[in-house]
Amino acid sequence: MDTAEVATSRCIVYPSGVSVTRSLSRRQWLSIAVASVGASAVSCQRNQGRPLIIVLSPGHGADSSAVGKLEQLLREAAKREVVLRVGKSADEALRMATSAGTDAALLTLFEYLFARRLWQVQAALQVLRNGGKHDYAGEILVLKSGGATDLGALADQKIAYVDRYSTTGFLLAAKMLADKGVRVIPLFTGSHDAALEAVRRGQAAAAAAYAGAADKFQDLHAIARTESVPNEPLFFRADIDKGRRESITAAWSAVAATPAGKAALASIAGIDGVEPIDDRAYEGAFHLIDQAGRSVQELVPRGWLLANEKARPLDVAP
């Protein structure tokens, strides 16, 4: 008898993932094994051929020409198709960033923290700014002439904030004032520039803004500086394929090291470099939010709606 025809019991894992135990000849088993390996190879090839999809927040993607240039540079560095997609709003960007069609995302700090808490996304590269700094702080600014000289003098006065979702334009300053026991009247203006102008026009006694925001105004100065928080990271979905993650990380790091890449990143929210990081570096930011008596859901537009959805956000990125 041909030994290849001797029946043997094998547990076969088909491409569909269904395991069955059946009596097969060695020749039959070999045919199925070869087919399974072939199917796996095809699947791998399809995964390698699919574009690398990276989502940007509205703020990071505000300059469409810079986004286009960065996309081109990433494509050249990765030696494969790379697509950058920009969310039209914070909640759309979050939905896109956590959808099955997306690999990575660069959103605001609060949006990353929100996605980390709800969908366990994973930080990989931290953006650097202002000469390679890893973190940033806010300041409370007043008029140099006739303005408050300390935080206590702002009690019961109007404070110009950016909006309820701004790190330096609201949360850090509001926490500092609360820690000092200073109650103020909030005035939300919509932007850092508008907050500063409110002070200059006498509409508010002080403004909350990022550190250094008053450098372009000779009539404003800071009377207090907030604690610092880390810069936001480029992050990945928790279930991302290792090879795709490595391709994006390597390409982004390579681009950030070139003159052309630095120029493109400078127009993407003032980024001047990237460095490896992991989620542990952001535990302090979660603690700060808790100390401020807030939750990440409150710091992201439509955050409560997203947090209370029973299902994972819809796949809105191909």
C-alpha atoms as a PDB file:
ATOM      1  CA  MET A   1       0.000   0.000   0.000  1.00  0.00           C
ATOM      2  CA  ASP A   2       1.199   3.481  -0.854  1.00  0.00           C
ATOM      3  CA  THR A   3       2.165   5.117   2.464  1.00  0.00           C
ATOM      4  CA  ALA A   4       0.820   8.416   1.129  1.00  0.00           C
ATOM      5  CA  GLU A   5      -2.630   6.859   1.105  1.00  0.00           C
ATOM      6  CA  VAL A   6      -2.574   5.770   4.761  1.00  0.00           C
ATOM      7  CA  ALA A   7      -5.415   7.525   6.564  1.00  0.00           C
ATOM      8  CA  THR A   8      -4.510   9.677   9.564  1.00  0.00           C
ATOM      9  CA  SER A   9      -6.490  11.911  11.918  1.00  0.00           C
ATOM     10  CA  ARG A  10      -5.586  15.617  11.620  1.00  0.00           C
ATOM     11  CA  CYS A  11      -6.977  18.836  13.125  1.00  0.00           C
ATOM     12  CA  ILE A  12      -7.115  21.237  10.193  1.00  0.00           C
ATOM     13  CA  VAL A  13      -7.469  25.004  10.593  1.00  0.00           C
ATOM     14  CA  TYR A  14      -9.098  26.275   7.438  1.00  0.00           C
ATOM     15  CA  PRO A  15      -8.624  29.858   6.189  1.00  0.00           C
ATOM     16  CA  SER A  16     -12.009  30.731   7.637  1.00  0.00           C
ATOM     17  CA  GLY A  17     -10.621  30.001  11.094  1.00  0.00           C
ATOM     18  CA  VAL A  18     -12.911  26.964  11.660  1.00  0.00           C
ATOM     19  CA  SER A  19     -11.116  23.922  13.111  1.00  0.00           C
ATOM     20  CA  VAL A  20     -12.397  20.432  12.237  1.00  0.00           C
ATOM     21  CA  THR A  21     -11.002  17.004  12.992  1.00  0.00           C
ATOM     22  CA  ARG A  22     -11.452  14.423  10.293  1.00  0.00           C
ATOM     23  CA  SER A  23      -9.802  11.380   8.838  1.00  0.00           C
ATOM     24  CA  LEU A  24      -7.703  12.384   5.809  1.00  0.00           C
ATOM     25  CA  SER A  25      -5.056  10.765   3.720  1.00  0.00           C
ATOM     26  CA  ARG A  26      -1.606  12.288   3.961  1.00  0.00           C
ATOM     27  CA  ARG A  27      -1.957  13.470   0.365  1.00  0.00           C
ATOM     28  CA  GLN A  28      -5.276  15.179   1.101  1.00  0.00           C
ATOM     29  CA  TRP A  29      -3.891  16.782   4.257  1.00  0.00           C
ATOM     30  CA  LEU A  30      -0.863  18.090   2.329  1.00  0.00           C
ATOM     31  CA  SER A  31      -3.129  19.634  -0.310  1.00  0.00           C
ATOM     32  CA  ILE A  32      -5.176  21.449   2.316  1.00  0.00           C
ATOM     33  CA  ALA A  33      -2.065  22.636   4.146  1.00  0.00           C
ATOM     34  CA  VAL A  34      -0.627  24.079   0.937  1.00  0.00           C
ATOM     35  CA  ALA A  35      -3.942  25.799   0.183  1.00  0.00           C
ATOM     36  CA  SER A  36      -4.066  27.261   3.699  1.00  0.00           C
ATOM     37  CA  VAL A  37      -0.532  28.626   3.417  1.00  0.00           C
ATOM     38  CA  GLY A  38      -1.440  30.102   0.048  1.00  0.00           C
ATOM     39  CA  ALA A  39      -4.529  31.766   1.489  1.00  0.00           C
ATOM     40  CA  SER A  40      -2.450  33.226   4.325  1.00  0.00           C
ATOM     41  CA  ALA A  41       0.073  34.575   1.842  1.00  0.00           C
ATOM     42  CA  VAL A  42      -2.685  36.201  -0.207  1.00  0.00           C
ATOM     43  CA  SER A  43      -4.130  37.752   2.964  1.00  0.00           C
ATOM     44  CA  CYS A  44      -0.688  39.061   3.910  1.00  0.00           C
ATOM     45  CA  GLN A  45      -0.199  40.502   0.428  1.00  0.00           C
ATOM     46  CA  ARG A  46      -3.572  42.243   0.593  1.00  0.00           C
ATOM     47  CA  ASN A  47      -2.691  43.719   3.987  1.00  0.00           C
ATOM     48  CA  GLN A  48       0.633  44.960   2.636  1.00  0.00           C
ATOM     49  CA  GLY A  49      -1.087  46.451  -0.394  1.00  0.00           C
ATOM     50  CA  ARG A  50      -3.717  48.375   1.564  1.00  0.00           C
ATOM     51  CA  PRO A  51      -2.804  52.061   2.052  1.00  0.00           C
ATOM     52  CA  LEU A  52      -1.580  53.191   5.448  1.00  0.00           C
ATOM     53  CA  ILE A  53      -4.343  55.450   6.780  1.00  0.00           C
ATOM     54  CA  ILE A  54      -3.530  58.235   9.264  1.00  0.00           C
ATOM     55  CA  VAL A  55      -6.167  60.606  10.627  1.00  0.00           C
ATOM     56  CA  LEU A  56      -5.476  64.197  11.667  1.00  0.00           C
ATOM     57  CA  SER A  57      -7.587  66.444  13.881  1.00  0.00           C
ATOM     58  CA  PRO A  58      -9.063  69.628  12.338  1.00  0.00           C
ATOM     59  CA  GLY A  59      -6.327  71.642  14.040  1.00  0.00           C
ATOM     60  CA  HIS A  60      -3.468  69.469  12.816  1.00  0.00           C
ATOM     61  CA  GLY A  61      -4.920  69.349   9.316  1.00  0.00           C
ATOM     62  CA  ALA A  62      -5.859  73.020   8.974  1.00  0.00           C
ATOM     63  CA  ASP A  63      -3.173  73.694   6.331  1.00  0.00           C
ATOM     64  CA  SER A  64      -4.195  71.499   3.396  1.00  0.00           C
ATOM     65  CA  SER A  65      -1.017  72.196   1.426  1.00  0.00           C
ATOM     66  CA  ALA A  66       1.142  71.121   4.381  1.00  0.00           C
ATOM     67  CA  VAL A  67      -0.958  67.975   4.779  1.00  0.00           C
ATOM     68  CA  GLY A  68      -0.474  67.168   1.106  1.00  0.00           C
ATOM     69  CA  LYS A  69       3.281  67.662   1.341  1.00  0.00           C
ATOM     70  CA  LEU A  70       3.535  65.542   4.494  1.00  0.00           C
ATOM     71  CA  GLU A  71       1.504  62.803   2.837  1.00  0.00           C
ATOM     72  CA  GLN A  72       3.876  62.765  -0.120  1.00  0.00           C
ATOM     73  CA  LEU A  73       6.952  62.618   2.119  1.00  0.00           C
ATOM     74  CA  LEU A  74       5.503  59.804   4.226  1.00  0.00           C
ATOM     75  CA  ARG A  75       4.665  57.869   1.073  1.00  0.00           C
ATOM     76  CA  GLU A  76       8.229  58.195  -0.171  1.00  0.00           C
ATOM     77  CA  ALA A  77       9.693  57.188   3.198  1.00  0.00           C
ATOM     78  CA  ALA A  78       7.365  54.189   3.633  1.00  0.00           C
ATOM     79  CA  LYS A  79       7.743  53.152  -0.021  1.00  0.00           C
ATOM     80  CA  ARG A  80       4.042  52.430  -0.166  1.00  0.00           C
ATOM     81  CA  GLU A  81       0.741  54.267  -0.347  1.00  0.00           C
ATOM     82  CA  VAL A  82       0.004  56.548   2.623  1.00  0.00           C
ATOM     83  CA  VAL A  83      -3.209  58.531   3.006  1.00  0.00           C
ATOM     84  CA  LEU A  84      -3.747  61.376   5.482  1.00  0.00           C
ATOM     85  CA  ARG A  85      -7.375  62.131   6.307  1.00  0.00           C
ATOM     86  CA  VAL A  86      -8.540  65.190   8.220  1.00  0.00           C
ATOM     87  CA  GLY A  87     -11.644  65.127  10.413  1.00  0.00           C
ATOM     88  CA  LYS A  88     -14.052  68.016   9.882  1.00  0.00           C
ATOM     89  CA  SER A  89     -14.774  68.136  13.619  1.00  0.00           C
ATOM     90  CA  ALA A  90     -13.340  66.683  16.814  1.00  0.00           C
ATOM     91  CA  ASP A  91     -15.952  63.957  17.116  1.00  0.00           C
ATOM     92  CA  GLU A  92     -15.627  63.005  13.442  1.00  0.00           C
ATOM     93  CA  ALA A  93     -11.851  62.772  13.837  1.00  0.00           C
ATOM     94  CA  LEU A  94     -12.307  60.504  16.863  1.00  0.00           C
ATOM     95  CA  ARG A  95     -14.707  58.265  14.982  1.00  0.00           C
ATOM     96  CA  MET A  96     -12.321  58.051  12.048  1.00  0.00           C
ATOM     97  CA  ALA A  97      -9.295  57.465  14.309  1.00  0.00           C
ATOM     98  CA  THR A  98     -10.902  54.475  16.023  1.00  0.00           C
ATOM     99  CA  SER A  99     -12.546  52.919  12.968  1.00  0.00           C
ATOM    100  CA  ALA A 100     -11.388  49.607  11.513  1.00  0.00           C
ATOM    101  CA  GLY A 101     -10.134  51.304   8.344  1.00  0.00           C
ATOM    102  CA  THR A 102      -7.620  53.514  10.168  1.00  0.00           C
ATOM    103  CA  ASP A 103      -4.102  52.671  11.304  1.00  0.00           C
ATOM    104  CA  ALA A 104      -2.960  55.727  13.266  1.00  0.00           C
ATOM    105  CA  ALA A 105      -4.017  59.231  14.259  1.00  0.00           C
ATOM    106  CA  LEU A 106      -2.655  62.544  15.459  1.00  0.00           C
ATOM    107  CA  LEU A 107      -5.301  64.350  17.483  1.00  0.00           C
ATOM    108  CA  THR A 108      -5.248  66.799  20.388  1.00  0.00           C
ATOM    109  CA  LEU A 109      -4.059  65.712  23.821  1.00  0.00           C
ATOM    110  CA  PHE A 110      -7.580  65.437  25.249  1.00  0.00           C
ATOM    111  CA  GLU A 111      -8.798  63.529  22.200  1.00  0.00           C
ATOM    112  CA  TYR A 112      -5.971  61.023  22.574  1.00  0.00           C
ATOM    113  CA  LEU A 113      -6.723  60.634  26.303  1.00  0.00           C
ATOM    114  CA  PHE A 114     -10.392  60.110  25.472  1.00  0.00           C
ATOM    115  CA  ALA A 115      -9.567  57.469  22.844  1.00  0.00           C
ATOM    116  CA  ARG A 116      -7.086  55.834  25.213  1.00  0.00           C
ATOM    117  CA  ARG A 117      -9.659  55.487  27.966  1.00  0.00           C
ATOM    118  CA  LEU A 118     -12.469  54.257  25.735  1.00  0.00           C
ATOM    119  CA  TRP A 119     -10.713  52.231  23.025  1.00  0.00           C
ATOM    120  CA  GLN A 120      -7.257  51.531  24.484  1.00  0.00           C
ATOM    121  CA  VAL A 121      -5.377  53.168  21.616  1.00  0.00           C
ATOM    122  CA  GLN A 122      -1.597  53.093  21.991  1.00  0.00           C
ATOM    123  CA  ALA A 123       0.776  56.072  21.889  1.00  0.00           C
ATOM    124  CA  ALA A 124       3.928  55.608  19.801  1.00  0.00           C
ATOM    125  CA  LEU A 125       5.513  58.953  18.868  1.00  0.00           C
ATOM    126  CA  GLN A 126       5.277  62.208  20.810  1.00  0.00           C
ATOM    127  CA  VAL A 127       5.406  65.465  18.868  1.00  0.00           C
ATOM    128  CA  LEU A 128       8.005  68.040  19.911  1.00  0.00           C
ATOM    129  CA  ARG A 129       7.648  71.801  19.723  1.00  0.00           C
ATOM    130  CA  ASN A 130       9.519  74.995  20.500  1.00  0.00           C
ATOM    131  CA  GLY A 131      12.991  73.644  19.983  1.00  0.00           C
ATOM    132  CA  GLY A 132      12.370  70.046  20.991  1.00  0.00           C
ATOM    133  CA  LYS A 133      10.236  70.537  24.098  1.00  0.00           C
ATOM    134  CA  HIS A 134       8.147  67.557  25.209  1.00  0.00           C
ATOM    135  CA  ASP A 135       5.492  69.469  27.132  1.00  0.00           C
ATOM    136  CA  TYR A 136       3.715  72.798  27.317  1.00  0.00           C
ATOM    137  CA  ALA A 137       2.025  75.074  29.826  1.00  0.00           C
ATOM    138  CA  GLY A 138      -0.441  77.929  29.933  1.00  0.00           C
ATOM    139  CA  GLU A 139      -0.303  81.439  31.301  1.00  0.00           C
ATOM    140  CA  ILE A 140      -2.740  83.966  32.694  1.00  0.00           C
ATOM    141  CA  LEU A 141      -2.195  87.310  30.994  1.00  0.00           C
ATOM    142  CA  VAL A 142      -3.197  90.836  31.968  1.00  0.00           C
ATOM    143  CA  LEU A 143      -2.489  94.400  30.867  1.00  0.00           C
ATOM    144  CA  LYS A 144       0.936  95.643  31.879  1.00  0.00           C
ATOM    145  CA  SER A 145      -0.513  99.010  32.790  1.00  0.00           C
ATOM    146  CA  GLY A 146      -3.269  98.888  35.382  1.00  0.00           C
ATOM    147  CA  GLY A 147      -3.752  95.133  35.238  1.00  0.00           C
ATOM    148  CA  ALA A 148      -3.930  92.705  38.156  1.00  0.00           C
ATOM    149  CA  THR A 149      -0.635  91.976  39.868  1.00  0.00           C
ATOM    150  CA  ASP A 150      -1.586  88.541  41.251  1.00  0.00           C
ATOM    151  CA  LEU A 151      -4.266  85.900  40.930  1.00  0.00           C
ATOM    152  CA  GLY A 152      -6.114  87.062  44.039  1.00  0.00           C
ATOM    153  CA  ALA A 153      -6.868  90.361  42.358  1.00  0.00           C
ATOM    154  CA  LEU A 154      -8.878  88.523  39.694  1.00  0.00           C
ATOM    155  CA  ALA A 155     -11.584  87.409  42.140  1.00  0.00           C
ATOM    156  CA  ASP A 156     -15.074  88.030  40.709  1.00  0.00           C
ATOM    157  CA  GLN A 157     -13.550  89.408  37.501  1.00  0.00           C
ATOM    158  CA  LYS A 158     -14.151  88.208  33.929  1.00  0.00           C
ATOM    159  CA  ILE A 159     -11.505  85.833  32.582  1.00  0.00           C
ATOM    160  CA  ALA A 160     -11.309  85.338  28.820  1.00  0.00           C
ATOM    161  CA  TYR A 161     -11.030  81.639  27.928  1.00  0.00           C
ATOM    162  CA  VAL A 162     -10.778  79.960  24.522  1.00  0.00           C
ATOM    163  CA  ASP A 163     -13.412  77.222  24.931  1.00  0.00           C
ATOM    164  CA  ARG A 164     -14.244  74.404  27.338  1.00  0.00           C
ATOM    165  CA  TYR A 165     -12.063  71.944  25.393  1.00  0.00           C
ATOM    166  CA  SER A 166      -8.835  73.962  25.370  1.00  0.00           C
ATOM    167  CA  THR A 167      -5.901  72.756  27.476  1.00  0.00           C
ATOM    168  CA  THR A 168      -4.037  76.043  27.916  1.00  0.00           C
ATOM    169  CA  GLY A 169      -6.974  78.242  27.010  1.00  0.00           C
ATOM    170  CA  PHE A 170      -9.172  76.864  29.784  1.00  0.00           C
ATOM    171  CA  LEU A 171      -8.475  73.701  31.798  1.00  0.00           C
ATOM    172  CA  LEU A 172      -5.008  74.477  33.183  1.00  0.00           C
ATOM    173  CA  ALA A 173      -5.831  78.077  34.053  1.00  0.00           C
ATOM    174  CA  ALA A 174      -9.227  77.207  35.530  1.00  0.00           C
ATOM    175  CA  LYS A 175      -7.642  74.491  37.679  1.00  0.00           C
ATOM    176  CA  MET A 176      -4.949  76.875  38.920  1.00  0.00           C
ATOM    177  CA  LEU A 177      -7.519  79.509  39.882  1.00  0.00           C
ATOM    178  CA  ALA A 178      -9.679  76.914  41.610  1.00  0.00           C
ATOM    179  CA  ASP A 179      -6.659  75.586  43.514  1.00  0.00           C
ATOM    180  CA  LYS A 180      -5.998  79.123  44.746  1.00  0.00           C
ATOM    181  CA  GLY A 181      -9.640  79.562  45.730  1.00  0.00           C
ATOM    182  CA  VAL A 182     -10.156  82.389  43.234  1.00  0.00           C
ATOM    183  CA  ARG A 183     -13.678  82.479  41.793  1.00  0.00           C
ATOM    184  CA  VAL A 184     -13.961  84.214  38.427  1.00  0.00           C
ATOM    185  CA  ILE A 185     -16.543  84.877  35.718  1.00  0.00           C
ATOM    186  CA  PRO A 186     -15.749  82.854  32.549  1.00  0.00           C
ATOM    187  CA  LEU A 187     -15.947  84.523  29.133  1.00  0.00           C
ATOM    188  CA  PHE A 188     -15.497  82.048  26.261  1.00  0.00           C
ATOM    189  CA  THR A 189     -14.161  83.753  23.163  1.00  0.00           C
ATOM    190  CA  GLY A 190     -13.453  80.926  20.711  1.00  0.00           C
ATOM    191  CA  SER A 191      -9.709  81.392  20.161  1.00  0.00           C
ATOM    192  CA  HIS A 192      -6.471  82.404  21.867  1.00  0.00           C
ATOM    193  CA  ASP A 193      -6.245  85.609  19.840  1.00  0.00           C
ATOM    194  CA  ALA A 194      -9.819  86.544  20.692  1.00  0.00           C
ATOM    195  CA  ALA A 195      -9.153  85.954  24.396  1.00  0.00           C
ATOM    196  CA  LEU A 196      -6.121  88.248  24.308  1.00  0.00           C
ATOM    197  CA  GLU A 197      -8.047  90.919  22.417  1.00  0.00           C
ATOM    198  CA  ALA A 198     -10.795  90.783  25.051  1.00  0.00           C
ATOM    199  CA  VAL A 199      -8.218  91.873  27.636  1.00  0.00           C
ATOM    200  CA  ARG A 200      -6.770  94.574  25.414  1.00  0.00           C
ATOM    201  CA  ARG A 201     -10.261  95.994  24.789  1.00  0.00           C
ATOM    202  CA  GLY A 202     -11.209  95.987  28.447  1.00  0.00           C
ATOM    203  CA  GLN A 203     -13.787  93.222  28.069  1.00  0.00           C
ATOM    204  CA  ALA A 204     -11.967  90.921  30.515  1.00  0.00           C
ATOM    205  CA  ALA A 205      -9.519  91.413  33.352  1.00  0.00           C
ATOM    206  CA  ALA A 206      -7.298  88.536  32.216  1.00  0.00           C
ATOM    207  CA  ALA A 207      -6.973  85.845  29.567  1.00  0.00           C
ATOM    208  CA  ALA A 208      -5.893  82.204  29.616  1.00  0.00           C
ATOM    209  CA  ALA A 209      -3.569  81.241  26.766  1.00  0.00           C
ATOM    210  CA  TYR A 210      -0.547  79.134  25.886  1.00  0.00           C
ATOM    211  CA  ALA A 211       2.814  80.168  27.319  1.00  0.00           C
ATOM    212  CA  GLY A 212       4.382  82.836  25.165  1.00  0.00           C
ATOM    213  CA  ALA A 213       1.127  83.955  23.570  1.00  0.00           C
ATOM    214  CA  ALA A 214       1.694  87.535  24.735  1.00  0.00           C
ATOM    215  CA  ASP A 215       5.119  87.851  23.118  1.00  0.00           C
ATOM    216  CA  LYS A 216       3.624  89.667  20.148  1.00  0.00           C
ATOM    217  CA  PHE A 217       1.823  92.200  22.336  1.00  0.00           C
ATOM    218  CA  GLN A 218       3.799  94.890  24.138  1.00  0.00           C
ATOM    219  CA  ASP A 219       0.878  95.822  26.387  1.00  0.00           C
ATOM    220  CA  LEU A 220       0.310  92.328  27.871  1.00  0.00           C
ATOM    221  CA  HIS A 221       2.305  90.179  30.273  1.00  0.00           C
ATOM    222  CA  ALA A 222       1.864  87.015  32.313  1.00  0.00           C
ATOM    223  CA  ILE A 223       1.209  87.060  36.045  1.00  0.00           C
ATOM    224  CA  ALA A 224       1.057  83.275  36.480  1.00  0.00           C
ATOM    225  CA  ARG A 225       2.125  80.094  34.714  1.00  0.00           C
ATOM    226  CA  THR A 226       0.204  76.820  34.933  1.00  0.00           C
ATOM    227  CA  GLU A 227       1.609  73.346  35.415  1.00  0.00           C
ATOM    228  CA  SER A 228       2.776  71.514  32.300  1.00  0.00           C
ATOM    229  CA  VAL A 229       1.238  68.662  30.344  1.00  0.00           C
ATOM    230  CA  PRO A 230       2.891  66.437  27.708  1.00  0.00           C
ATOM    231  CA  ASN A 231       2.540  67.128  24.007  1.00  0.00           C
ATOM    232  CA  GLU A 232       0.081  64.926  22.160  1.00  0.00           C
ATOM    233  CA  PRO A 233       1.193  61.629  20.542  1.00  0.00           C
ATOM    234  CA  LEU A 234       0.762  59.903  17.229  1.00  0.00           C
ATOM    235  CA  PHE A 235      -1.202  56.841  18.331  1.00  0.00           C
ATOM    236  CA  PHE A 236      -2.381  53.530  16.906  1.00  0.00           C
ATOM    237  CA  ARG A 237      -5.467  51.383  17.268  1.00  0.00           C
ATOM    238  CA  ALA A 238      -4.884  48.614  19.803  1.00  0.00           C
ATOM    239  CA  ASP A 239      -5.422  45.853  17.235  1.00  0.00           C
ATOM    240  CA  ILE A 240      -3.171  47.299  14.544  1.00  0.00           C
ATOM    241  CA  ASP A 241      -0.936  44.919  12.621  1.00  0.00           C
ATOM    242  CA  LYS A 242       2.655  45.109  13.887  1.00  0.00           C
ATOM    243  CA  GLY A 243       4.102  45.521  10.420  1.00  0.00           C
ATOM    244  CA  ARG A 244       1.823  48.439   9.585  1.00  0.00           C
ATOM    245  CA  ARG A 245       2.632  50.110  12.889  1.00  0.00           C
ATOM    246  CA  GLU A 246       6.360  49.773  12.289  1.00  0.00           C
ATOM    247  CA  SER A 247       6.022  51.128   8.743  1.00  0.00           C
ATOM    248  CA  ILE A 248       4.229  54.264   9.916  1.00  0.00           C
ATOM    249  CA  THR A 249       6.514  54.849  12.896  1.00  0.00           C
ATOM    250  CA  ALA A 250       9.648  54.458  10.804  1.00  0.00           C
ATOM    251  CA  ALA A 251       8.340  56.650   7.985  1.00  0.00           C
ATOM    252  CA  TRP A 252       7.192  59.423  10.337  1.00  0.00           C
ATOM    253  CA  SER A 253      10.513  59.412  12.196  1.00  0.00           C
ATOM    254  CA  ALA A 254      12.477  59.483   8.936  1.00  0.00           C
ATOM    255  CA  VAL A 255      10.451  62.386   7.544  1.00  0.00           C
ATOM    256  CA  ALA A 256      10.838  64.382  10.773  1.00  0.00           C
ATOM    257  CA  ALA A 257      14.621  64.139  10.406  1.00  0.00           C
ATOM    258  CA  THR A 258      14.768  65.775   6.957  1.00  0.00           C
ATOM    259  CA  PRO A 259      14.672  69.510   6.106  1.00  0.00           C
ATOM    260  CA  ALA A 260      11.638  69.042   3.854  1.00  0.00           C
ATOM    261  CA  GLY A 261       9.894  67.015   6.543  1.00  0.00           C
ATOM    262  CA  LYS A 262      10.641  69.588   9.219  1.00  0.00           C
ATOM    263  CA  ALA A 263       9.161  72.305   7.012  1.00  0.00           C
ATOM    264  CA  ALA A 264       5.975  70.311   6.450  1.00  0.00           C
ATOM    265  CA  LEU A 265       5.598  69.385  10.127  1.00  0.00           C
ATOM    266  CA  ALA A 266       6.153  72.995  11.180  1.00  0.00           C
ATOM    267  CA  SER A 267       2.880  73.798   9.412  1.00  0.00           C
ATOM    268  CA  ILE A 268       1.144  70.868  11.128  1.00  0.00           C
ATOM    269  CA  ALA A 269       0.447  72.546  14.482  1.00  0.00           C
ATOM    270  CA  GLY A 270       4.002  73.834  14.884  1.00  0.00           C
ATOM    271  CA  ILE A 271       5.667  70.422  15.176  1.00  0.00           C
ATOM    272  CA  ASP A 272       9.468  70.394  14.957  1.00  0.00           C
ATOM    273  CA  GLY A 273      10.197  66.743  15.682  1.00  0.00           C
ATOM    274  CA  VAL A 274       9.013  63.417  17.140  1.00  0.00           C
ATOM    275  CA  GLU A 275      10.328  60.968  19.726  1.00  0.00           C
ATOM    276  CA  PRO A 276       9.219  57.473  20.821  1.00  0.00           C
ATOM    277  CA  ILE A 277       6.828  57.407  23.768  1.00  0.00           C
ATOM    278  CA  ASP A 278       4.294  55.087  25.375  1.00  0.00           C
ATOM    279  CA  ASP A 279       1.029  55.516  27.237  1.00  0.00           C
ATOM    280  CA  ARG A 280       2.665  55.565  30.676  1.00  0.00           C
ATOM    281  CA  ALA A 281       3.938  59.082  29.978  1.00  0.00           C
ATOM    282  CA  TYR A 282       0.335  60.329  29.940  1.00  0.00           C
ATOM    283  CA  GLU A 283      -0.814  58.923  33.270  1.00  0.00           C
ATOM    284  CA  GLY A 284      -0.054  62.275  34.903  1.00  0.00           C
ATOM    285  CA  ALA A 285      -2.388  64.034  32.457  1.00  0.00           C
ATOM    286  CA  PHE A 286      -5.224  61.736  33.512  1.00  0.00           C
ATOM    287  CA  HIS A 287      -4.413  62.550  37.135  1.00  0.00           C
ATOM    288  CA  LEU A 288      -4.473  66.289  36.416  1.00  0.00           C
ATOM    289  CA  ILE A 289      -7.918  66.004  34.834  1.00  0.00           C
ATOM    290  CA  ASP A 290      -9.173  64.070  37.831  1.00  0.00           C
ATOM    291  CA  GLN A 291      -7.723  66.713  40.182  1.00  0.00           C
ATOM    292  CA  ALA A 292      -9.547  69.386  38.225  1.00  0.00           C
ATOM    293  CA  GLY A 293     -12.790  67.578  38.922  1.00  0.00           C
ATOM    294  CA  ARG A 294     -13.355  66.858  35.257  1.00  0.00           C
ATOM    295  CA  SER A 295     -13.585  63.797  33.031  1.00  0.00           C
ATOM    296  CA  VAL A 296     -12.126  63.231  29.591  1.00  0.00           C
ATOM    297  CA  GLN A 297     -15.661  63.095  28.199  1.00  0.00           C
ATOM    298  CA  GLU A 298     -16.188  66.707  29.232  1.00  0.00           C
ATOM    299  CA  LEU A 299     -13.025  67.856  27.468  1.00  0.00           C
ATOM    300  CA  VAL A 300     -13.931  66.552  24.015  1.00  0.00           C
ATOM    301  CA  PRO A 301     -16.779  67.964  21.906  1.00  0.00           C
ATOM    302  CA  ARG A 302     -19.718  65.518  21.979  1.00  0.00           C
ATOM    303  CA  GLY A 303     -17.608  63.345  24.266  1.00  0.00           C
ATOM    304  CA  TRP A 304     -20.520  62.166  26.385  1.00  0.00           C
ATOM    305  CA  LEU A 305     -22.368  61.062  23.252  1.00  0.00           C
ATOM    306  CA  LEU A 306     -19.400  59.063  22.001  1.00  0.00           C
ATOM    307  CA  ALA A 307     -18.760  57.586  25.440  1.00  0.00           C
ATOM    308  CA  ASN A 308     -22.317  56.381  25.796  1.00  0.00           C
ATOM    309  CA  GLU A 309     -22.661  54.769  22.404  1.00  0.00           C
ATOM    310  CA  LYS A 310     -23.175  51.064  22.918  1.00  0.00           C
ATOM    311  CA  ALA A 311     -21.226  50.037  19.830  1.00  0.00           C
ATOM    312  CA  ARG A 312     -17.795  50.992  18.555  1.00  0.00           C
ATOM    313  CA  PRO A 313     -17.937  54.103  16.323  1.00  0.00           C
ATOM    314  CA  LEU A 314     -18.959  53.403  12.772  1.00  0.00           C
ATOM    315  CA  ASP A 315     -16.224  52.742  10.211  1.00  0.00           C
ATOM    316  CA  VAL A 316     -16.007  56.053   8.377  1.00  0.00           C
ATOM    317  CA  ALA A 317     -12.481  55.698   6.995  1.00  0.00           C
ATOM    318  CA  PRO A 318     -11.802  53.224   4.196  1.00  0.00           C
END
